[in-house]
Amino acid sequence: MLPLRPDENCNDARATLMSTVRQLFNRLRKHVMKTRPKARPLLTAEPSQTTIPAIPDDLVDEELKQWAREAEVDVGPVEGVWWYHGDREEALRAAQEGRGFVGLQLHGGGYVIGSAKDVLSGGSRIPRGVVEHGICSCLFALEYSLVNDGENCSFPLQILQALSAYHHLMHTLNIPPRQILLIGDSAGAHLALALQRYLLQGDVNAMPSPRGIILLSPWCDLSVEAHIPHVQRLLGPLAQDQLPNPYFSPALHAPPANWPPTLVYYGASERFKTSITTLSSRLSEGGARVTTFTAETIPEHFAHDFLLFVSVEWAWPEEVRKCWTKMKAWADGLETA
């Protein structure tokens, strides 16, 4: 059993943490011991057996090419994981005909951890949930490069890889952009924002925007994170004074015109709350149609990217159900608009 009170010598921060852990433990004991979660419907996670080719050079504008040259990054073929029920080809055909969404999902992890290929990790709970709850009929989770994967893995490599995946959905699989949802959590949401900005701002205007964007606990202001080593690695050869740049800190900037409908969902007590609310305000003030929801009851230590954690689903099931329900309703609203 956990102690009823923290040791008298604990400082306030430790006392708060212990209180939160006790709260989680008590909720788990109450909800898990009473009834186990219902079995999930059978879902297929198929690691891609073929690689996605790099974005054609003529679809990359000169500014992005110059940035890539200075960072000495070279985009090659990228991989990922398809999530779907039943017949993937049937789901893709339906999307080609304007029925159902195909998701492009970018995982979180601060550009240092996480893998789309790890289909048993907490990170897989988001693409799995998106398909299980009928938000997308199928989804491609991109295996983009992390900054500690080796030499020359800084921005804009990840933008180019995301652009390659988006181009593949549109031009190889012939999915109309109106049937694509861009989905990212934490750092993946940061990358989604960067990709969307490029689609609207790049000089090569060959790819329309997706139908909508889902941002879960977006990491959206790196200007206050200059001291973090992986942020420095993401910068590559750029100076730290570039962190307020819109590709690194989108919360500080108005969106380009014609930004697509965006859903923002985050924990009300998470540490990124200020930057997330700033981002939502910037998007709204810039003319974007933004829908924002917060998970009110999840404590601070579990609030960021809370959909990743089975313990959160067991301890705060109503908040998690509410999140999926609201995402589904938002996506249904796009489809009928």
Protein backbone atom coordinates (compact mmCIF):
# COMPACT_ATOMS: atom_id res chain seq x y z
CA MET A 1 0.00 0.00 0.00
CA LEU A 2 1.14 3.55 -0.62
CA PRO A 3 1.59 5.68 2.52
CA LEU A 4 -1.35 7.85 3.56
CA ARG A 5 0.81 10.95 3.62
CA PRO A 6 4.26 11.88 2.30
CA ASP A 7 7.19 12.03 4.68
CA GLU A 8 7.31 15.33 6.54
CA ASN A 9 10.66 16.12 4.95
CA CYS A 10 9.27 15.96 1.41
CA ASN A 11 9.30 19.24 -0.43
CA ASP A 12 6.12 20.59 -1.99
CA ALA A 13 6.89 19.28 -5.46
CA ARG A 14 7.47 15.76 -4.20
CA ALA A 15 4.37 15.91 -2.02
CA THR A 16 2.31 16.96 -5.06
CA LEU A 17 3.75 14.13 -7.14
CA MET A 18 3.08 11.56 -4.41
CA SER A 19 -0.47 12.80 -4.05
CA THR A 20 -1.01 12.47 -7.81
CA VAL A 21 0.45 8.95 -7.83
CA ARG A 22 -1.84 7.96 -4.96
CA GLN A 23 -4.79 9.37 -6.89
CA LEU A 24 -3.84 7.32 -9.95
CA PHE A 25 -3.32 4.20 -7.85
CA ASN A 26 -6.70 4.55 -6.15
CA ARG A 27 -8.48 5.10 -9.45
CA LEU A 28 -6.74 2.12 -11.02
CA ARG A 29 -7.70 -0.08 -8.07
CA LYS A 30 -11.30 1.09 -8.25
CA HIS A 31 -11.80 0.83 -12.01
CA VAL A 32 -9.47 -2.03 -12.98
CA MET A 33 -10.20 -4.45 -10.16
CA LYS A 34 -13.95 -3.97 -10.52
CA THR A 35 -14.05 -4.63 -14.25
CA ARG A 36 -11.46 -5.21 -16.94
CA PRO A 37 -11.58 -3.12 -20.12
CA LYS A 38 -13.61 -4.66 -22.90
CA ALA A 39 -11.63 -6.45 -25.59
CA ARG A 40 -10.85 -4.23 -28.57
CA PRO A 41 -12.06 -5.16 -32.05
CA LEU A 42 -9.49 -7.01 -34.12
CA LEU A 43 -7.30 -4.55 -36.01
CA THR A 44 -4.45 -5.08 -38.43
CA ALA A 45 -1.15 -3.24 -38.18
CA GLU A 46 0.85 -4.00 -41.30
CA PRO A 47 4.45 -2.83 -41.42
CA SER A 48 5.03 -1.44 -44.88
CA GLN A 49 6.81 -3.93 -47.10
CA THR A 50 7.57 -1.28 -49.69
CA THR A 51 9.27 2.04 -49.25
CA ILE A 52 7.79 5.39 -50.13
CA PRO A 53 10.03 7.29 -52.56
CA ALA A 54 11.37 10.70 -51.69
CA ILE A 55 9.37 13.73 -52.72
CA PRO A 56 10.19 14.66 -56.36
CA ASP A 57 12.75 17.43 -56.49
CA ASP A 58 10.52 19.66 -58.60
CA LEU A 59 7.94 19.77 -55.80
CA VAL A 60 10.42 21.24 -53.31
CA ASP A 61 10.84 25.00 -53.51
CA GLU A 62 14.24 26.68 -53.61
CA GLU A 63 14.05 27.99 -50.04
CA LEU A 64 13.49 24.50 -48.61
CA LYS A 65 16.21 23.07 -50.87
CA GLN A 66 18.66 25.70 -49.63
CA TRP A 67 17.78 24.94 -46.00
CA ALA A 68 18.35 21.23 -46.66
CA ARG A 69 21.72 21.93 -48.31
CA GLU A 70 22.88 24.05 -45.38
CA ALA A 71 21.78 21.36 -42.92
CA GLU A 72 23.40 18.70 -45.14
CA VAL A 73 20.29 16.54 -45.03
CA ASP A 74 19.32 14.29 -47.87
CA VAL A 75 15.82 12.81 -47.97
CA GLY A 76 15.56 9.26 -49.18
CA PRO A 77 12.81 6.65 -49.22
CA VAL A 78 10.73 6.50 -46.03
CA GLU A 79 8.80 3.72 -44.35
CA GLY A 80 5.76 3.47 -42.16
CA VAL A 81 2.91 1.33 -40.88
CA TRP A 82 -0.59 0.96 -42.30
CA TRP A 83 -3.47 0.60 -39.83
CA TYR A 84 -6.82 -0.62 -41.12
CA HIS A 85 -9.79 -2.92 -40.59
CA GLY A 86 -10.37 -5.74 -43.03
CA ASP A 87 -9.36 -4.87 -46.60
CA ARG A 88 -7.03 -1.88 -46.92
CA GLU A 89 -7.45 -1.69 -50.67
CA GLU A 90 -11.20 -1.44 -50.24
CA ALA A 91 -10.76 1.41 -47.73
CA LEU A 92 -8.44 3.22 -50.16
CA ARG A 93 -10.90 2.76 -53.03
CA ALA A 94 -13.68 4.22 -50.90
CA ALA A 95 -11.52 7.26 -50.11
CA GLN A 96 -10.70 7.68 -53.80
CA GLU A 97 -14.45 7.85 -54.39
CA GLY A 98 -14.96 10.40 -51.61
CA ARG A 99 -16.06 8.06 -48.80
CA GLY A 100 -14.09 7.94 -45.57
CA PHE A 101 -10.83 9.54 -44.52
CA VAL A 102 -7.26 8.31 -44.87
CA GLY A 103 -5.02 9.49 -42.06
CA LEU A 104 -1.39 10.56 -42.20
CA GLN A 105 -0.15 10.22 -38.62
CA LEU A 106 3.04 11.67 -37.12
CA HIS A 107 4.01 10.30 -33.72
CA GLY A 108 5.34 12.29 -30.76
CA GLY A 109 8.49 11.85 -28.72
CA GLY A 110 10.39 15.13 -28.97
CA TYR A 111 12.15 13.98 -32.16
CA VAL A 112 14.27 11.67 -29.98
CA ILE A 113 12.06 8.67 -29.18
CA GLY A 114 9.14 6.85 -30.75
CA SER A 115 8.66 4.68 -33.80
CA ALA A 116 5.69 4.07 -36.04
CA LYS A 117 6.95 0.50 -36.39
CA ASP A 118 6.56 -0.27 -32.69
CA VAL A 119 2.95 -1.40 -32.94
CA LEU A 120 2.81 -2.57 -29.32
CA SER A 121 3.96 0.64 -27.62
CA GLY A 122 1.86 3.40 -26.11
CA GLY A 123 2.53 5.42 -29.23
CA SER A 124 0.52 2.92 -31.27
CA ARG A 125 -2.61 3.67 -29.21
CA ILE A 126 -3.30 6.82 -31.24
CA PRO A 127 -3.25 5.35 -34.78
CA ARG A 128 -5.07 2.28 -33.46
CA GLY A 129 -7.73 4.45 -31.82
CA VAL A 130 -8.20 6.66 -34.87
CA VAL A 131 -9.13 3.61 -36.94
CA GLU A 132 -11.05 1.75 -34.23
CA HIS A 133 -13.25 4.77 -33.56
CA GLY A 134 -13.99 5.26 -37.25
CA ILE A 135 -12.27 8.64 -37.54
CA CYS A 136 -10.28 7.30 -40.49
CA SER A 137 -10.99 4.13 -42.46
CA CYS A 138 -7.26 3.51 -42.71
CA LEU A 139 -4.14 5.36 -41.64
CA PHE A 140 -0.48 5.58 -42.58
CA ALA A 141 1.87 6.21 -39.63
CA LEU A 142 5.15 7.68 -40.87
CA GLU A 143 8.53 6.46 -39.66
CA TYR A 144 10.34 9.79 -39.82
CA SER A 145 13.95 10.35 -38.73
CA LEU A 146 14.83 11.20 -35.14
CA VAL A 147 17.56 13.72 -34.40
CA ASN A 148 19.69 11.08 -32.67
CA ASP A 149 19.45 8.57 -35.53
CA GLY A 150 22.86 9.68 -36.81
CA GLU A 151 24.61 12.55 -38.51
CA ASN A 152 22.58 15.16 -40.36
CA CYS A 153 19.11 14.37 -39.02
CA SER A 154 18.04 17.93 -38.20
CA PHE A 155 15.17 19.92 -39.68
CA PRO A 156 14.14 20.16 -42.48
CA LEU A 157 14.68 16.41 -43.04
CA GLN A 158 11.50 15.49 -41.16
CA ILE A 159 9.47 18.06 -43.13
CA LEU A 160 10.72 16.55 -46.39
CA GLN A 161 9.87 13.04 -45.18
CA ALA A 162 6.35 14.10 -44.18
CA LEU A 163 6.00 15.82 -47.55
CA SER A 164 7.07 12.57 -49.25
CA ALA A 165 4.36 10.62 -47.41
CA TYR A 166 1.68 13.21 -48.22
CA HIS A 167 2.70 13.20 -51.89
CA HIS A 168 2.53 9.39 -51.89
CA LEU A 169 -1.03 9.40 -50.58
CA MET A 170 -2.14 11.96 -53.16
CA HIS A 171 -0.21 11.04 -56.29
CA THR A 172 0.61 7.34 -55.93
CA LEU A 173 -2.50 6.14 -54.12
CA ASN A 174 -4.71 8.83 -55.72
CA ILE A 175 -6.35 9.89 -52.47
CA PRO A 176 -8.03 13.29 -52.95
CA PRO A 177 -6.75 15.83 -50.38
CA ARG A 178 -10.37 16.28 -49.22
CA GLN A 179 -10.20 12.70 -47.93
CA ILE A 180 -6.93 13.09 -45.98
CA LEU A 181 -6.62 13.99 -42.31
CA LEU A 182 -3.25 15.06 -40.93
CA ILE A 183 -2.82 13.82 -37.34
CA GLY A 184 0.01 14.51 -34.89
CA ASP A 185 0.63 14.32 -31.16
CA SER A 186 3.21 16.37 -29.24
CA ALA A 187 6.30 16.60 -31.51
CA GLY A 188 4.29 14.89 -34.24
CA ALA A 189 1.82 17.77 -34.03
CA HIS A 190 4.78 20.15 -34.33
CA LEU A 191 5.78 18.36 -37.53
CA ALA A 192 2.19 18.42 -38.80
CA LEU A 193 2.12 22.20 -38.31
CA ALA A 194 5.40 22.54 -40.21
CA LEU A 195 4.14 20.38 -43.09
CA GLN A 196 0.90 22.34 -43.33
CA ARG A 197 2.75 25.65 -43.32
CA TYR A 198 4.93 24.48 -46.18
CA LEU A 199 1.92 23.27 -48.20
CA LEU A 200 0.49 26.80 -48.02
CA GLN A 201 3.68 28.88 -48.10
CA GLY A 202 5.98 26.97 -50.41
CA ASP A 203 6.63 28.54 -53.79
CA VAL A 204 5.82 25.22 -55.49
CA ASN A 205 2.05 25.10 -55.14
CA ALA A 206 1.40 21.60 -56.43
CA MET A 207 -0.27 19.95 -53.42
CA PRO A 208 -3.51 21.19 -51.88
CA SER A 209 -4.08 21.04 -48.12
CA PRO A 210 -5.67 18.07 -46.38
CA ARG A 211 -9.31 18.24 -45.32
CA GLY A 212 -8.36 18.82 -41.70
CA ILE A 213 -5.71 18.57 -39.00
CA ILE A 214 -5.89 16.92 -35.58
CA LEU A 215 -3.34 18.25 -33.07
CA LEU A 216 -3.05 16.37 -29.77
CA SER A 217 -1.06 18.19 -27.06
CA PRO A 218 0.95 20.03 -29.72
CA TRP A 219 4.54 21.02 -28.93
CA CYS A 220 4.37 24.38 -30.63
CA ASP A 221 6.81 26.88 -29.08
CA LEU A 222 10.45 25.82 -29.17
CA SER A 223 11.68 29.36 -28.54
CA VAL A 224 11.61 28.64 -24.79
CA GLU A 225 13.35 25.26 -25.19
CA ALA A 226 16.77 26.36 -26.45
CA HIS A 227 18.52 24.74 -23.47
CA ILE A 228 17.26 21.26 -24.36
CA PRO A 229 19.89 19.19 -26.25
CA HIS A 230 17.46 17.59 -28.71
CA VAL A 231 16.07 21.01 -29.63
CA GLN A 232 19.62 22.11 -30.41
CA ARG A 233 20.07 19.02 -32.57
CA LEU A 234 16.80 19.76 -34.37
CA LEU A 235 18.19 23.19 -35.27
CA GLY A 236 21.21 21.64 -36.95
CA PRO A 237 23.59 24.37 -38.17
CA LEU A 238 21.07 27.14 -37.48
CA ALA A 239 21.69 29.56 -34.62
CA GLN A 240 19.44 29.50 -31.56
CA ASP A 241 17.97 32.85 -32.55
CA GLN A 242 16.16 30.94 -35.31
CA LEU A 243 13.93 29.13 -32.80
CA PRO A 244 11.19 31.81 -33.01
CA ASN A 245 10.99 30.95 -36.75
CA PRO A 246 7.45 29.78 -37.67
CA TYR A 247 8.68 26.28 -38.55
CA PHE A 248 10.07 25.85 -35.03
CA SER A 249 7.60 27.94 -33.00
CA PRO A 250 4.28 28.07 -34.86
CA ALA A 251 2.46 29.34 -31.76
CA LEU A 252 4.20 32.69 -32.22
CA HIS A 253 2.93 33.27 -35.76
CA ALA A 254 -0.27 33.79 -37.67
CA PRO A 255 -1.12 30.95 -40.06
CA PRO A 256 -0.89 31.33 -43.82
CA ALA A 257 -4.17 32.03 -45.57
CA ASN A 258 -6.53 29.13 -46.27
CA TRP A 259 -5.44 27.08 -43.25
CA PRO A 260 -7.65 23.95 -43.07
CA PRO A 261 -10.07 23.17 -40.20
CA THR A 262 -8.09 22.18 -37.12
CA LEU A 263 -8.96 20.26 -33.97
CA VAL A 264 -6.76 20.94 -30.93
CA TYR A 265 -7.09 18.63 -27.91
CA TYR A 266 -4.91 18.82 -24.81
CA GLY A 267 -4.85 18.33 -21.05
CA ALA A 268 -6.08 21.35 -19.12
CA SER A 269 -3.23 21.05 -16.61
CA GLU A 270 -0.37 20.11 -18.94
CA ARG A 271 2.81 22.17 -19.01
CA PHE A 272 2.37 23.21 -22.66
CA LYS A 273 -1.05 24.71 -21.92
CA THR A 274 0.05 28.34 -22.43
CA SER A 275 1.69 27.74 -25.81
CA ILE A 276 -1.22 25.57 -26.96
CA THR A 277 -3.83 28.20 -26.11
CA THR A 278 -1.64 30.79 -27.85
CA LEU A 279 -1.48 28.57 -30.95
CA SER A 280 -5.26 28.15 -30.99
CA SER A 281 -5.74 31.90 -30.69
CA ARG A 282 -3.25 32.63 -33.48
CA LEU A 283 -4.97 30.17 -35.80
CA SER A 284 -8.43 31.57 -35.02
CA GLU A 285 -7.31 35.17 -35.39
CA GLY A 286 -5.74 34.25 -38.73
CA GLY A 287 -9.09 33.05 -40.07
CA ALA A 288 -8.73 29.31 -39.50
CA ARG A 289 -11.66 27.28 -38.24
CA VAL A 290 -10.32 25.94 -34.95
CA THR A 291 -12.07 23.62 -32.51
CA THR A 292 -10.40 23.30 -29.11
CA PHE A 293 -11.15 20.79 -26.35
CA THR A 294 -9.46 20.14 -23.03
CA ALA A 295 -9.32 17.11 -20.75
CA GLU A 296 -10.21 18.79 -17.47
CA THR A 297 -9.78 16.10 -14.82
CA ILE A 298 -6.48 14.45 -15.74
CA PRO A 299 -3.68 15.62 -13.36
CA GLU A 300 -0.63 17.48 -14.60
CA HIS A 301 1.78 14.54 -14.55
CA PHE A 302 -0.47 12.55 -16.91
CA ALA A 303 -2.14 15.34 -18.91
CA HIS A 304 0.31 15.72 -21.81
CA ASP A 305 -0.43 13.34 -24.69
CA PHE A 306 -2.70 11.39 -22.35
CA LEU A 307 -4.07 9.07 -25.05
CA LEU A 308 -0.74 7.23 -25.04
CA PHE A 309 -1.25 5.70 -21.62
CA VAL A 310 -3.46 2.71 -20.85
CA SER A 311 -3.22 3.67 -17.17
CA VAL A 312 -4.92 6.99 -17.97
CA GLU A 313 -7.68 5.20 -19.86
CA TRP A 314 -8.30 2.97 -16.86
CA ALA A 315 -8.07 5.76 -14.28
CA TRP A 316 -9.96 8.47 -16.18
CA PRO A 317 -12.08 6.49 -18.66
CA GLU A 318 -14.68 9.21 -19.15
CA GLU A 319 -12.06 11.75 -20.25
CA VAL A 320 -10.59 9.32 -22.75
CA ARG A 321 -14.00 8.30 -24.10
CA LYS A 322 -14.97 11.95 -24.38
CA CYS A 323 -11.81 12.69 -26.36
CA TRP A 324 -12.44 9.95 -28.93
CA THR A 325 -16.12 10.84 -29.17
CA LYS A 326 -15.38 14.50 -29.82
CA MET A 327 -12.71 13.67 -32.40
CA LYS A 328 -15.14 11.38 -34.21
CA ALA A 329 -17.90 14.00 -34.17
CA TRP A 330 -15.49 16.64 -35.49
CA ALA A 331 -14.37 14.38 -38.35
CA ASP A 332 -17.99 13.47 -39.17
CA GLY A 333 -18.76 17.18 -39.34
CA LEU A 334 -15.99 17.67 -41.90
CA GLU A 335 -17.31 14.85 -44.03
CA THR A 336 -20.83 16.25 -44.14
CA ALA A 337 -19.80 19.89 -44.60
